[in-house]
Each structure stands twice: as structure tokens, then as C-alpha cells.
């Protein structure tokens, strides 16, 4: 089969992400480590290897992006990982939530998908495994083009509960709210609450009738960090019942 790169989705300091389409119309998302020079390359490769391992740990998890079983024509990680040759190949789950118009009934529909697949699916799975994503935002939740499914992507920041989040490569937008100077979670915020607060903030933006944007997401997130888990869950239940 022939494959064509149809879109660049992200080009950062650690990885390059693109959408590829097979000649029969099937599409994939391909993520490869960015070539950053010999000095930093080892660290970048470690991040890529880490994400691959996390993806395997999350195999078949509802609401979490999955590796593609069909390995051709792309190469997968092996014992001799070569960043010039190897890729992570993922299912194409759609477009980032931030690309959608979230006003009116469209926002309510998207909220229902985020609640069903991220809150009840991905988030529940991660909490059961004692894993924290640490970067759940409107960029890392994607929605299928037929508006039937939401999926959590970009797992390179996932960290085991109890680990310092400095081991997570993603520079956290809200890191100052949850960590001390050593990168350890402070006493005012448990690690697991980070993801809970982040998804609740997204749902609040999607269900709000006042502002059809994600502009207040950071402020909502900070509010939820100050609340107990039960209170966050109760507020989310209230949003989804309206």
C-alpha cells in the first residue's frame, strides 16, 4: 500500500507528529522523536521510549489513544531504537478539541463525549492504575469527525503516583500550583487531583452559556485544585445533568 503525509499536527522540541493516509483511505497518526542534535538526543529518545511503554500499559483502555497493530510500513521500537528510523504509529482519533466551535448545543454535545470517554473512561483507567497524565488540555483531547468519541492523547507526560513530576517531559502549564521547588507534589494537592481538576475545567468550559471558549480553563482548574475530590465530582455531575 502507498502512504501519503497529509497534515503536520505538531512540531515541537521533543517530537514531530503528522497524519498519514493509506491509498485505501485509512489514516494514521505517526509520532517520531525530533532530531535535536547529539547532546539532547538521548533524553528525547528516553521520552519517546517512555511514551511507547505507557501506551502498551494502556492497551485497550477506553478513551485513550491506541497503538496500531499493523506495523508496516512504519517501524516500531525494539531493543536497538534508532530515532532516525523508528516511529510510534497511533490510531487517528480525529481533531483536537480546541479546533471545534464549542458554543451552544455543540458545546453540550462535546461535553457529553468528554464526560463519557475521558471522565468515565480514560480518567477512571488512569486512576485505577495510579497514573497521572498531567497534561489534559483542549489540545490533548481529540474528537472523532463524526462526533461520536473523545480520546486522550499525548501520553509522554504520564507519571506514576508518588514519582516526582520532573520525570515527566512535558513542561506543565500549572506546575507551580501543584509542586514545590524540587518538583514534588506539595501537601495542598494530591497528584491524582490534577487530572480530575483538568477534566472538570474542560467540562465547565464546554457547558458554560456565558463564554464559548477555553479562555477561563486555567482559572477553573485552579478553583478545582482547592476543592475536595467529592466536591469536584459533585459539581461535574451537576454540569452533566443540566
C-alpha atoms as a PDB file:
ATOM      1  CA  UNK A   1       0.000   0.000   0.000  1.00  0.00           C
ATOM      2  CA  UNK A   2       1.056   3.601  -0.621  1.00  0.00           C
ATOM      3  CA  UNK A   3       1.082   6.140   2.217  1.00  0.00           C
ATOM      4  CA  UNK A   4       0.940   9.929   1.961  1.00  0.00           C
ATOM      5  CA  UNK A   5       1.618  12.521   4.646  1.00  0.00           C
ATOM      6  CA  UNK A   6      -1.469  14.725   4.545  1.00  0.00           C
ATOM      7  CA  UNK A   7      -1.007  17.011   7.557  1.00  0.00           C
ATOM      8  CA  UNK A   8       1.521  18.102  10.153  1.00  0.00           C
ATOM      9  CA  UNK A   9      -0.246  18.062  13.526  1.00  0.00           C
ATOM     10  CA  UNK A  10       2.554  19.195  15.825  1.00  0.00           C
ATOM     11  CA  UNK A  11       6.245  20.049  15.593  1.00  0.00           C
ATOM     12  CA  UNK A  12       7.843  20.564  18.988  1.00  0.00           C
ATOM     13  CA  UNK A  13      11.208  20.339  20.676  1.00  0.00           C
ATOM     14  CA  UNK A  14      10.737  16.652  21.501  1.00  0.00           C
ATOM     15  CA  UNK A  15       8.628  15.199  18.707  1.00  0.00           C
ATOM     16  CA  UNK A  16       7.144  15.632  15.252  1.00  0.00           C
ATOM     17  CA  UNK A  17       3.552  14.446  14.748  1.00  0.00           C
ATOM     18  CA  UNK A  18       1.869  14.006  11.381  1.00  0.00           C
ATOM     19  CA  UNK A  19      -1.198  12.403   9.832  1.00  0.00           C
ATOM     20  CA  UNK A  20      -0.648   9.810   7.105  1.00  0.00           C
ATOM     21  CA  UNK A  21      -3.232   8.311   4.768  1.00  0.00           C
ATOM     22  CA  UNK A  22      -3.090   4.921   3.081  1.00  0.00           C
ATOM     23  CA  UNK A  23      -4.246   4.609  -0.516  1.00  0.00           C
ATOM     24  CA  UNK A  24      -7.440   2.878   0.667  1.00  0.00           C
ATOM     25  CA  UNK A  25      -8.339   5.952   2.774  1.00  0.00           C
ATOM     26  CA  UNK A  26      -7.272   4.587   6.179  1.00  0.00           C
ATOM     27  CA  UNK A  27      -5.378   7.210   8.175  1.00  0.00           C
ATOM     28  CA  UNK A  28      -2.802   7.003  10.956  1.00  0.00           C
ATOM     29  CA  UNK A  29      -1.001   9.413  13.244  1.00  0.00           C
ATOM     30  CA  UNK A  30       2.772   8.999  13.245  1.00  0.00           C
ATOM     31  CA  UNK A  31       4.904  10.418  16.054  1.00  0.00           C
ATOM     32  CA  UNK A  32       8.668  10.467  15.835  1.00  0.00           C
ATOM     33  CA  UNK A  33      11.351  11.968  18.086  1.00  0.00           C
ATOM     34  CA  UNK A  34      12.601  15.355  16.956  1.00  0.00           C
ATOM     35  CA  UNK A  35      16.208  15.389  15.801  1.00  0.00           C
ATOM     36  CA  UNK A  36      17.781  17.829  18.253  1.00  0.00           C
ATOM     37  CA  UNK A  37      21.477  17.021  17.987  1.00  0.00           C
ATOM     38  CA  UNK A  38      23.614  14.521  19.802  1.00  0.00           C
ATOM     39  CA  UNK A  39      23.731  16.428  23.099  1.00  0.00           C
ATOM     40  CA  UNK A  40      19.975  16.194  23.810  1.00  0.00           C
ATOM     41  CA  UNK A  41      19.092  13.231  21.616  1.00  0.00           C
ATOM     42  CA  UNK A  42      19.471  10.632  24.350  1.00  0.00           C
ATOM     43  CA  UNK A  43      16.939  12.430  26.540  1.00  0.00           C
ATOM     44  CA  UNK A  44      14.480  12.844  23.679  1.00  0.00           C
ATOM     45  CA  UNK A  45      14.740   9.146  22.849  1.00  0.00           C
ATOM     46  CA  UNK A  46      14.075   8.322  26.515  1.00  0.00           C
ATOM     47  CA  UNK A  47      10.868  10.385  26.359  1.00  0.00           C
ATOM     48  CA  UNK A  48       9.765   8.527  23.232  1.00  0.00           C
ATOM     49  CA  UNK A  49      10.562   5.148  24.759  1.00  0.00           C
ATOM     50  CA  UNK A  50       8.649   6.148  27.893  1.00  0.00           C
ATOM     51  CA  UNK A  51       5.560   7.046  25.888  1.00  0.00           C
ATOM     52  CA  UNK A  52       5.712   3.774  23.995  1.00  0.00           C
ATOM     53  CA  UNK A  53       5.842   1.835  27.266  1.00  0.00           C
ATOM     54  CA  UNK A  54       2.901   3.802  28.694  1.00  0.00           C
ATOM     55  CA  UNK A  55       0.874   3.186  25.527  1.00  0.00           C
ATOM     56  CA  UNK A  56       1.410  -0.548  25.972  1.00  0.00           C
ATOM     57  CA  UNK A  57       0.305  -0.280  29.600  1.00  0.00           C
ATOM     58  CA  UNK A  58      -2.876   1.467  28.437  1.00  0.00           C
ATOM     59  CA  UNK A  59      -3.690  -1.101  25.761  1.00  0.00           C
ATOM     60  CA  UNK A  60      -7.458  -1.430  25.162  1.00  0.00           C
ATOM     61  CA  UNK A  61      -8.216   1.359  27.650  1.00  0.00           C
ATOM     62  CA  UNK A  62     -11.423   3.170  26.770  1.00  0.00           C
ATOM     63  CA  UNK A  63     -10.868   6.804  25.859  1.00  0.00           C
ATOM     64  CA  UNK A  64      -7.071   6.520  25.470  1.00  0.00           C
ATOM     65  CA  UNK A  65      -5.299   6.535  22.104  1.00  0.00           C
ATOM     66  CA  UNK A  66      -4.052   3.132  20.976  1.00  0.00           C
ATOM     67  CA  UNK A  67      -1.030   1.858  19.116  1.00  0.00           C
ATOM     68  CA  UNK A  68      -1.726   0.485  15.649  1.00  0.00           C
ATOM     69  CA  UNK A  69      -1.159  -3.259  15.266  1.00  0.00           C
ATOM     70  CA  UNK A  70      -0.362  -3.022  11.566  1.00  0.00           C
ATOM     71  CA  UNK A  71       3.335  -2.150  11.728  1.00  0.00           C
ATOM     72  CA  UNK A  72       4.005  -1.708   8.012  1.00  0.00           C
ATOM     73  CA  UNK A  73       5.381   0.420   6.515  1.00  0.00           C
ATOM     74  CA  UNK A  74       6.466   2.053   9.768  1.00  0.00           C
ATOM     75  CA  UNK A  75       8.987   0.631  12.188  1.00  0.00           C
ATOM     76  CA  UNK A  76       8.321   0.234  15.892  1.00  0.00           C
ATOM     77  CA  UNK A  77      10.584   0.374  18.913  1.00  0.00           C
ATOM     78  CA  UNK A  78      12.870  -2.537  19.563  1.00  0.00           C
ATOM     79  CA  UNK A  79      15.974  -3.153  21.643  1.00  0.00           C
ATOM     80  CA  UNK A  80      18.038  -1.046  19.265  1.00  0.00           C
ATOM     81  CA  UNK A  81      15.817   2.017  18.961  1.00  0.00           C
ATOM     82  CA  UNK A  82      17.022   4.351  16.235  1.00  0.00           C
ATOM     83  CA  UNK A  83      15.365   7.823  16.228  1.00  0.00           C
ATOM     84  CA  UNK A  84      16.141   8.212  12.527  1.00  0.00           C
ATOM     85  CA  UNK A  85      14.215   5.044  11.715  1.00  0.00           C
ATOM     86  CA  UNK A  86      11.605   4.316  14.386  1.00  0.00           C
ATOM     87  CA  UNK A  87       8.155   5.821  14.856  1.00  0.00           C
ATOM     88  CA  UNK A  88       5.204   5.450  17.168  1.00  0.00           C
ATOM     89  CA  UNK A  89       2.186   4.707  14.983  1.00  0.00           C
ATOM     90  CA  UNK A  90      -1.193   5.565  16.506  1.00  0.00           C
ATOM     91  CA  UNK A  91      -4.825   5.335  15.512  1.00  0.00           C
ATOM     92  CA  UNK A  92      -6.190   8.539  14.026  1.00  0.00           C
ATOM     93  CA  UNK A  93      -8.859   9.612  16.521  1.00  0.00           C
ATOM     94  CA  UNK A  94      -9.863  12.908  14.948  1.00  0.00           C
ATOM     95  CA  UNK A  95      -9.091  16.546  15.701  1.00  0.00           C
ATOM     96  CA  UNK A  96      -8.122  18.413  18.854  1.00  0.00           C
ATOM     97  CA  UNK A  97     -10.968  19.749  20.971  1.00  0.00           C
ATOM     98  CA  UNK A  98      -9.548  23.266  20.626  1.00  0.00           C
ATOM     99  CA  UNK A  99     -10.364  23.191  16.896  1.00  0.00           C
ATOM    100  CA  UNK A 100     -14.108  22.876  17.479  1.00  0.00           C
ATOM    101  CA  UNK A 101     -16.718  25.567  17.879  1.00  0.00           C
ATOM    102  CA  UNK A 102     -17.945  24.970  21.435  1.00  0.00           C
ATOM    103  CA  UNK A 103     -20.885  27.354  21.519  1.00  0.00           C
ATOM    104  CA  UNK A 104     -24.479  26.349  22.206  1.00  0.00           C
ATOM    105  CA  UNK A 105     -25.603  22.780  21.624  1.00  0.00           C
ATOM    106  CA  UNK A 106     -22.275  21.825  20.015  1.00  0.00           C
ATOM    107  CA  UNK A 107     -20.540  22.533  23.328  1.00  0.00           C
ATOM    108  CA  UNK A 108     -23.066  20.381  25.190  1.00  0.00           C
ATOM    109  CA  UNK A 109     -22.523  17.510  22.749  1.00  0.00           C
ATOM    110  CA  UNK A 110     -18.741  17.752  23.091  1.00  0.00           C
ATOM    111  CA  UNK A 111     -19.106  17.858  26.872  1.00  0.00           C
ATOM    112  CA  UNK A 112     -21.075  14.621  26.779  1.00  0.00           C
ATOM    113  CA  UNK A 113     -18.284  12.957  24.763  1.00  0.00           C
ATOM    114  CA  UNK A 114     -15.580  14.235  27.126  1.00  0.00           C
ATOM    115  CA  UNK A 115     -17.590  13.063  30.111  1.00  0.00           C
ATOM    116  CA  UNK A 116     -18.294   9.616  28.680  1.00  0.00           C
ATOM    117  CA  UNK A 117     -14.884   8.823  27.206  1.00  0.00           C
ATOM    118  CA  UNK A 118     -12.424  10.929  29.229  1.00  0.00           C
ATOM    119  CA  UNK A 119     -14.037  11.374  32.667  1.00  0.00           C
ATOM    120  CA  UNK A 120     -15.635   7.932  32.886  1.00  0.00           C
ATOM    121  CA  UNK A 121     -13.168   6.161  30.576  1.00  0.00           C
ATOM    122  CA  UNK A 122      -9.582   7.403  30.380  1.00  0.00           C
ATOM    123  CA  UNK A 123      -9.519   9.138  33.751  1.00  0.00           C
ATOM    124  CA  UNK A 124     -11.023   6.166  35.579  1.00  0.00           C
ATOM    125  CA  UNK A 125      -8.478   3.840  33.957  1.00  0.00           C
ATOM    126  CA  UNK A 126      -5.521   6.044  34.851  1.00  0.00           C
ATOM    127  CA  UNK A 127      -6.659   6.443  38.455  1.00  0.00           C
ATOM    128  CA  UNK A 128      -7.082   2.684  38.799  1.00  0.00           C
ATOM    129  CA  UNK A 129      -3.517   2.205  37.506  1.00  0.00           C
ATOM    130  CA  UNK A 130      -2.243   5.016  39.765  1.00  0.00           C
ATOM    131  CA  UNK A 131      -1.121   7.001  36.739  1.00  0.00           C
ATOM    132  CA  UNK A 132      -1.430  10.757  36.195  1.00  0.00           C
ATOM    133  CA  UNK A 133      -1.491  12.270  32.713  1.00  0.00           C
ATOM    134  CA  UNK A 134      -0.505  15.761  33.928  1.00  0.00           C
ATOM    135  CA  UNK A 135      -1.311  17.480  30.625  1.00  0.00           C
ATOM    136  CA  UNK A 136      -5.043  17.066  29.943  1.00  0.00           C
ATOM    137  CA  UNK A 137      -5.987  20.136  27.918  1.00  0.00           C
ATOM    138  CA  UNK A 138      -8.119  21.042  24.909  1.00  0.00           C
ATOM    139  CA  UNK A 139      -5.044  20.223  22.778  1.00  0.00           C
ATOM    140  CA  UNK A 140      -4.674  16.683  24.109  1.00  0.00           C
ATOM    141  CA  UNK A 141      -8.311  15.621  23.897  1.00  0.00           C
ATOM    142  CA  UNK A 142      -9.336  14.790  20.332  1.00  0.00           C
ATOM    143  CA  UNK A 143     -12.817  14.201  18.980  1.00  0.00           C
ATOM    144  CA  UNK A 144     -13.791  11.938  16.079  1.00  0.00           C
ATOM    145  CA  UNK A 145     -15.025  13.649  12.932  1.00  0.00           C
ATOM    146  CA  UNK A 146     -18.440  12.028  13.285  1.00  0.00           C
ATOM    147  CA  UNK A 147     -18.714  13.435  16.823  1.00  0.00           C
ATOM    148  CA  UNK A 148     -19.183  10.046  18.488  1.00  0.00           C
ATOM    149  CA  UNK A 149     -15.979   9.621  20.506  1.00  0.00           C
ATOM    150  CA  UNK A 150     -13.387  11.578  22.505  1.00  0.00           C
ATOM    151  CA  UNK A 151      -9.849  10.310  23.064  1.00  0.00           C
ATOM    152  CA  UNK A 152      -6.968  11.324  25.317  1.00  0.00           C
ATOM    153  CA  UNK A 153      -3.628  11.592  23.513  1.00  0.00           C
ATOM    154  CA  UNK A 154      -0.002  12.609  24.123  1.00  0.00           C
ATOM    155  CA  UNK A 155       0.966  10.237  26.930  1.00  0.00           C
ATOM    156  CA  UNK A 156       4.610  11.271  27.209  1.00  0.00           C
ATOM    157  CA  UNK A 157       3.884  13.198  30.421  1.00  0.00           C
ATOM    158  CA  UNK A 158       2.158  10.291  32.210  1.00  0.00           C
ATOM    159  CA  UNK A 159       3.714   9.671  35.626  1.00  0.00           C
ATOM    160  CA  UNK A 160       3.237   7.080  38.342  1.00  0.00           C
ATOM    161  CA  UNK A 161       1.710   8.411  41.550  1.00  0.00           C
ATOM    162  CA  UNK A 162       4.491   9.139  44.021  1.00  0.00           C
ATOM    163  CA  UNK A 163       7.098   9.961  41.396  1.00  0.00           C
ATOM    164  CA  UNK A 164       8.425  13.477  41.025  1.00  0.00           C
ATOM    165  CA  UNK A 165       6.738  15.120  38.054  1.00  0.00           C
ATOM    166  CA  UNK A 166      10.161  16.302  36.947  1.00  0.00           C
ATOM    167  CA  UNK A 167      10.424  12.842  35.390  1.00  0.00           C
ATOM    168  CA  UNK A 168       7.572  13.833  33.062  1.00  0.00           C
ATOM    169  CA  UNK A 169       8.952  15.612  29.980  1.00  0.00           C
ATOM    170  CA  UNK A 170       6.046  17.976  29.422  1.00  0.00           C
ATOM    171  CA  UNK A 171       6.525  21.440  30.872  1.00  0.00           C
ATOM    172  CA  UNK A 172       3.335  21.654  32.910  1.00  0.00           C
ATOM    173  CA  UNK A 173       1.199  24.710  32.400  1.00  0.00           C
ATOM    174  CA  UNK A 174       0.081  24.551  36.005  1.00  0.00           C
ATOM    175  CA  UNK A 175       3.260  23.162  37.607  1.00  0.00           C
ATOM    176  CA  UNK A 176       3.607  25.996  40.120  1.00  0.00           C
ATOM    177  CA  UNK A 177       0.190  25.185  41.533  1.00  0.00           C
ATOM    178  CA  UNK A 178       0.970  21.549  42.287  1.00  0.00           C
ATOM    179  CA  UNK A 179       4.670  21.268  43.085  1.00  0.00           C
ATOM    180  CA  UNK A 180       7.394  22.620  45.306  1.00  0.00           C
ATOM    181  CA  UNK A 181      10.857  23.716  44.166  1.00  0.00           C
ATOM    182  CA  UNK A 182      12.065  20.113  43.965  1.00  0.00           C
ATOM    183  CA  UNK A 183       9.273  19.060  41.627  1.00  0.00           C
ATOM    184  CA  UNK A 184       7.498  17.070  44.313  1.00  0.00           C
ATOM    185  CA  UNK A 185       3.767  17.415  44.804  1.00  0.00           C
ATOM    186  CA  UNK A 186       3.002  19.735  47.682  1.00  0.00           C
ATOM    187  CA  UNK A 187       0.644  18.916  50.523  1.00  0.00           C
ATOM    188  CA  UNK A 188      -2.185  21.088  49.180  1.00  0.00           C
ATOM    189  CA  UNK A 189      -2.762  18.991  46.060  1.00  0.00           C
ATOM    190  CA  UNK A 190      -2.626  15.226  45.595  1.00  0.00           C
ATOM    191  CA  UNK A 191      -1.285  14.085  42.230  1.00  0.00           C
ATOM    192  CA  UNK A 192      -4.478  12.318  41.255  1.00  0.00           C
ATOM    193  CA  UNK A 193      -6.461  15.531  41.732  1.00  0.00           C
ATOM    194  CA  UNK A 194      -4.517  17.202  38.919  1.00  0.00           C
ATOM    195  CA  UNK A 195      -6.240  15.209  36.164  1.00  0.00           C
ATOM    196  CA  UNK A 196      -9.608  15.373  37.925  1.00  0.00           C
ATOM    197  CA  UNK A 197      -9.427  19.161  38.092  1.00  0.00           C
ATOM    198  CA  UNK A 198      -8.217  19.437  34.494  1.00  0.00           C
ATOM    199  CA  UNK A 199     -11.103  17.425  33.020  1.00  0.00           C
ATOM    200  CA  UNK A 200     -13.634  19.215  35.235  1.00  0.00           C
ATOM    201  CA  UNK A 201     -12.308  22.541  33.930  1.00  0.00           C
ATOM    202  CA  UNK A 202     -12.749  21.404  30.323  1.00  0.00           C
ATOM    203  CA  UNK A 203     -16.305  20.265  31.035  1.00  0.00           C
ATOM    204  CA  UNK A 204     -17.125  23.599  32.640  1.00  0.00           C
ATOM    205  CA  UNK A 205     -15.895  25.465  29.557  1.00  0.00           C
ATOM    206  CA  UNK A 206     -17.933  23.218  27.283  1.00  0.00           C
ATOM    207  CA  UNK A 207     -21.154  23.555  29.284  1.00  0.00           C
ATOM    208  CA  UNK A 208     -20.890  27.272  30.036  1.00  0.00           C
ATOM    209  CA  UNK A 209     -23.521  29.506  28.469  1.00  0.00           C
ATOM    210  CA  UNK A 210     -21.515  32.662  29.168  1.00  0.00           C
ATOM    211  CA  UNK A 211     -18.277  32.170  27.245  1.00  0.00           C
ATOM    212  CA  UNK A 212     -17.924  29.700  24.368  1.00  0.00           C
ATOM    213  CA  UNK A 213     -14.144  29.382  24.664  1.00  0.00           C
ATOM    214  CA  UNK A 214     -11.405  27.809  26.756  1.00  0.00           C
ATOM    215  CA  UNK A 215     -10.115  31.186  27.972  1.00  0.00           C
ATOM    216  CA  UNK A 216     -11.163  30.567  31.584  1.00  0.00           C
ATOM    217  CA  UNK A 217      -9.941  26.972  31.727  1.00  0.00           C
ATOM    218  CA  UNK A 218      -6.853  27.822  33.792  1.00  0.00           C
ATOM    219  CA  UNK A 219      -8.897  29.744  36.363  1.00  0.00           C
ATOM    220  CA  UNK A 220     -11.416  26.910  36.640  1.00  0.00           C
ATOM    221  CA  UNK A 221      -8.550  24.461  37.083  1.00  0.00           C
ATOM    222  CA  UNK A 222      -7.139  26.481  39.995  1.00  0.00           C
ATOM    223  CA  UNK A 223     -10.572  26.570  41.632  1.00  0.00           C
ATOM    224  CA  UNK A 224     -10.915  22.801  41.450  1.00  0.00           C
ATOM    225  CA  UNK A 225      -7.460  22.235  42.923  1.00  0.00           C
ATOM    226  CA  UNK A 226      -8.738  23.863  46.113  1.00  0.00           C
ATOM    227  CA  UNK A 227     -11.744  21.534  46.328  1.00  0.00           C
ATOM    228  CA  UNK A 228     -12.048  18.008  47.696  1.00  0.00           C
ATOM    229  CA  UNK A 229     -12.425  15.205  45.163  1.00  0.00           C
ATOM    230  CA  UNK A 230     -16.030  14.553  46.197  1.00  0.00           C
ATOM    231  CA  UNK A 231     -16.901  18.212  45.655  1.00  0.00           C
ATOM    232  CA  UNK A 232     -15.363  18.193  42.166  1.00  0.00           C
ATOM    233  CA  UNK A 233     -17.265  15.049  41.258  1.00  0.00           C
ATOM    234  CA  UNK A 234     -20.495  16.542  42.579  1.00  0.00           C
ATOM    235  CA  UNK A 235     -20.021  19.698  40.519  1.00  0.00           C
ATOM    236  CA  UNK A 236     -19.315  17.676  37.374  1.00  0.00           C
ATOM    237  CA  UNK A 237     -22.453  15.603  37.994  1.00  0.00           C
ATOM    238  CA  UNK A 238     -24.396  18.858  38.233  1.00  0.00           C
ATOM    239  CA  UNK A 239     -22.962  20.162  34.943  1.00  0.00           C
ATOM    240  CA  UNK A 240     -23.871  16.984  33.109  1.00  0.00           C
ATOM    241  CA  UNK A 241     -27.423  16.849  34.475  1.00  0.00           C
ATOM    242  CA  UNK A 242     -28.372  20.281  33.160  1.00  0.00           C
END
